N, C-alpha and C. Protein backbone atom coordinates (compact mmCIF):
# COMPACT_ATOMS: atom_id res chain seq x y z
N MET A 1 5.41 -8.16 -15.70
CA MET A 1 6.35 -7.05 -15.65
C MET A 1 5.94 -6.11 -14.52
N LEU A 2 6.88 -5.73 -13.69
CA LEU A 2 6.61 -4.83 -12.58
C LEU A 2 6.79 -3.39 -13.03
N ARG A 3 5.68 -2.73 -13.29
CA ARG A 3 5.73 -1.37 -13.84
C ARG A 3 6.23 -0.33 -12.84
N LEU A 4 6.11 -0.64 -11.54
CA LEU A 4 6.49 0.34 -10.52
C LEU A 4 7.72 -0.09 -9.72
N ALA A 5 8.53 -0.97 -10.28
CA ALA A 5 9.76 -1.40 -9.60
C ALA A 5 10.64 -0.18 -9.34
N ASN A 6 11.28 -0.15 -8.19
CA ASN A 6 12.17 0.95 -7.79
C ASN A 6 11.43 2.26 -7.55
N LYS A 7 10.13 2.18 -7.26
CA LYS A 7 9.33 3.36 -6.93
C LYS A 7 8.81 3.20 -5.51
N ALA A 8 8.49 4.31 -4.86
CA ALA A 8 7.95 4.28 -3.51
C ALA A 8 6.63 5.04 -3.48
N ALA A 9 5.73 4.61 -2.59
CA ALA A 9 4.44 5.27 -2.46
C ALA A 9 4.07 5.36 -0.98
N PHE A 10 3.50 6.49 -0.59
CA PHE A 10 2.94 6.67 0.76
C PHE A 10 1.44 6.68 0.61
N ILE A 11 0.75 5.79 1.34
CA ILE A 11 -0.69 5.67 1.21
C ILE A 11 -1.37 5.96 2.54
N PRO A 12 -1.95 7.17 2.70
CA PRO A 12 -2.71 7.45 3.90
C PRO A 12 -4.03 6.68 3.83
N GLY A 13 -4.44 6.13 4.95
CA GLY A 13 -5.66 5.33 4.95
C GLY A 13 -5.46 3.99 4.28
N GLY A 14 -4.23 3.49 4.28
CA GLY A 14 -3.91 2.26 3.57
C GLY A 14 -4.36 0.97 4.22
N GLY A 15 -4.94 1.05 5.40
CA GLY A 15 -5.37 -0.17 6.09
C GLY A 15 -6.75 -0.65 5.74
N THR A 16 -7.59 0.22 5.18
CA THR A 16 -8.98 -0.16 4.91
C THR A 16 -9.46 0.47 3.60
N GLY A 17 -10.53 -0.07 3.08
CA GLY A 17 -11.23 0.50 1.94
C GLY A 17 -10.40 0.74 0.70
N ILE A 18 -10.62 1.92 0.11
CA ILE A 18 -9.94 2.27 -1.14
C ILE A 18 -8.44 2.37 -0.93
N GLY A 19 -8.00 2.89 0.22
CA GLY A 19 -6.58 2.97 0.51
C GLY A 19 -5.92 1.60 0.51
N ARG A 20 -6.59 0.61 1.08
CA ARG A 20 -6.07 -0.76 1.10
C ARG A 20 -5.97 -1.32 -0.32
N ALA A 21 -7.01 -1.09 -1.10
CA ALA A 21 -7.01 -1.57 -2.49
C ALA A 21 -5.87 -0.94 -3.28
N CYS A 22 -5.63 0.35 -3.08
CA CYS A 22 -4.53 1.03 -3.76
C CYS A 22 -3.19 0.47 -3.31
N ALA A 23 -3.05 0.22 -2.01
CA ALA A 23 -1.80 -0.32 -1.48
C ALA A 23 -1.50 -1.69 -2.08
N LEU A 24 -2.51 -2.54 -2.17
CA LEU A 24 -2.32 -3.87 -2.73
C LEU A 24 -1.95 -3.80 -4.21
N LEU A 25 -2.60 -2.94 -4.95
CA LEU A 25 -2.29 -2.79 -6.38
C LEU A 25 -0.87 -2.27 -6.59
N LEU A 26 -0.50 -1.27 -5.83
CA LEU A 26 0.86 -0.72 -5.95
C LEU A 26 1.90 -1.77 -5.60
N ALA A 27 1.65 -2.55 -4.56
CA ALA A 27 2.60 -3.60 -4.16
C ALA A 27 2.70 -4.68 -5.24
N ARG A 28 1.58 -5.06 -5.82
CA ARG A 28 1.59 -6.06 -6.90
C ARG A 28 2.40 -5.60 -8.09
N GLU A 29 2.43 -4.30 -8.32
CA GLU A 29 3.16 -3.74 -9.45
C GLU A 29 4.61 -3.44 -9.11
N GLY A 30 5.05 -3.77 -7.88
CA GLY A 30 6.44 -3.66 -7.52
C GLY A 30 6.85 -2.46 -6.69
N ALA A 31 5.92 -1.60 -6.33
CA ALA A 31 6.26 -0.41 -5.54
C ALA A 31 6.51 -0.78 -4.08
N GLN A 32 7.37 -0.01 -3.43
CA GLN A 32 7.56 -0.11 -1.99
C GLN A 32 6.46 0.76 -1.37
N ALA A 33 5.56 0.17 -0.61
CA ALA A 33 4.42 0.90 -0.08
C ALA A 33 4.58 1.15 1.42
N THR A 34 4.35 2.39 1.84
CA THR A 34 4.30 2.76 3.24
C THR A 34 2.87 3.19 3.54
N LEU A 35 2.27 2.54 4.54
CA LEU A 35 0.86 2.80 4.85
C LEU A 35 0.73 3.59 6.14
N ALA A 36 -0.30 4.40 6.22
CA ALA A 36 -0.63 5.12 7.44
C ALA A 36 -2.14 5.02 7.64
N GLY A 37 -2.55 4.97 8.90
CA GLY A 37 -3.97 4.90 9.18
C GLY A 37 -4.26 5.30 10.61
N ARG A 38 -5.53 5.38 10.94
CA ARG A 38 -5.94 5.79 12.28
C ARG A 38 -6.03 4.64 13.26
N HIS A 39 -6.13 3.42 12.78
CA HIS A 39 -6.34 2.27 13.64
C HIS A 39 -5.01 1.64 14.02
N SER A 40 -4.85 1.27 15.29
CA SER A 40 -3.60 0.66 15.73
C SER A 40 -3.62 -0.83 15.39
N GLY A 41 -2.46 -1.42 15.40
CA GLY A 41 -2.33 -2.84 15.09
C GLY A 41 -1.91 -3.06 13.65
N LEU A 42 -1.45 -4.25 13.38
CA LEU A 42 -1.00 -4.59 12.04
C LEU A 42 -2.06 -5.42 11.33
N THR A 43 -2.20 -5.20 10.07
CA THR A 43 -3.12 -5.98 9.23
C THR A 43 -2.29 -6.77 8.25
N ALA A 44 -2.50 -8.07 8.22
CA ALA A 44 -1.75 -8.92 7.27
C ALA A 44 -2.39 -8.84 5.90
N TYR A 45 -1.56 -8.69 4.87
CA TYR A 45 -2.06 -8.64 3.50
C TYR A 45 -1.63 -9.88 2.82
């Protein structure tokens, strides 16, 4: 069951560390995640 379906989240620092872990968890639960970070380039999840 997707507990966060139809929800959105903005995750600063979502490319690395705890921010990345939070982004992955939110996405697994169905949230639309928008990530921001200091490093350029795309990271595949």
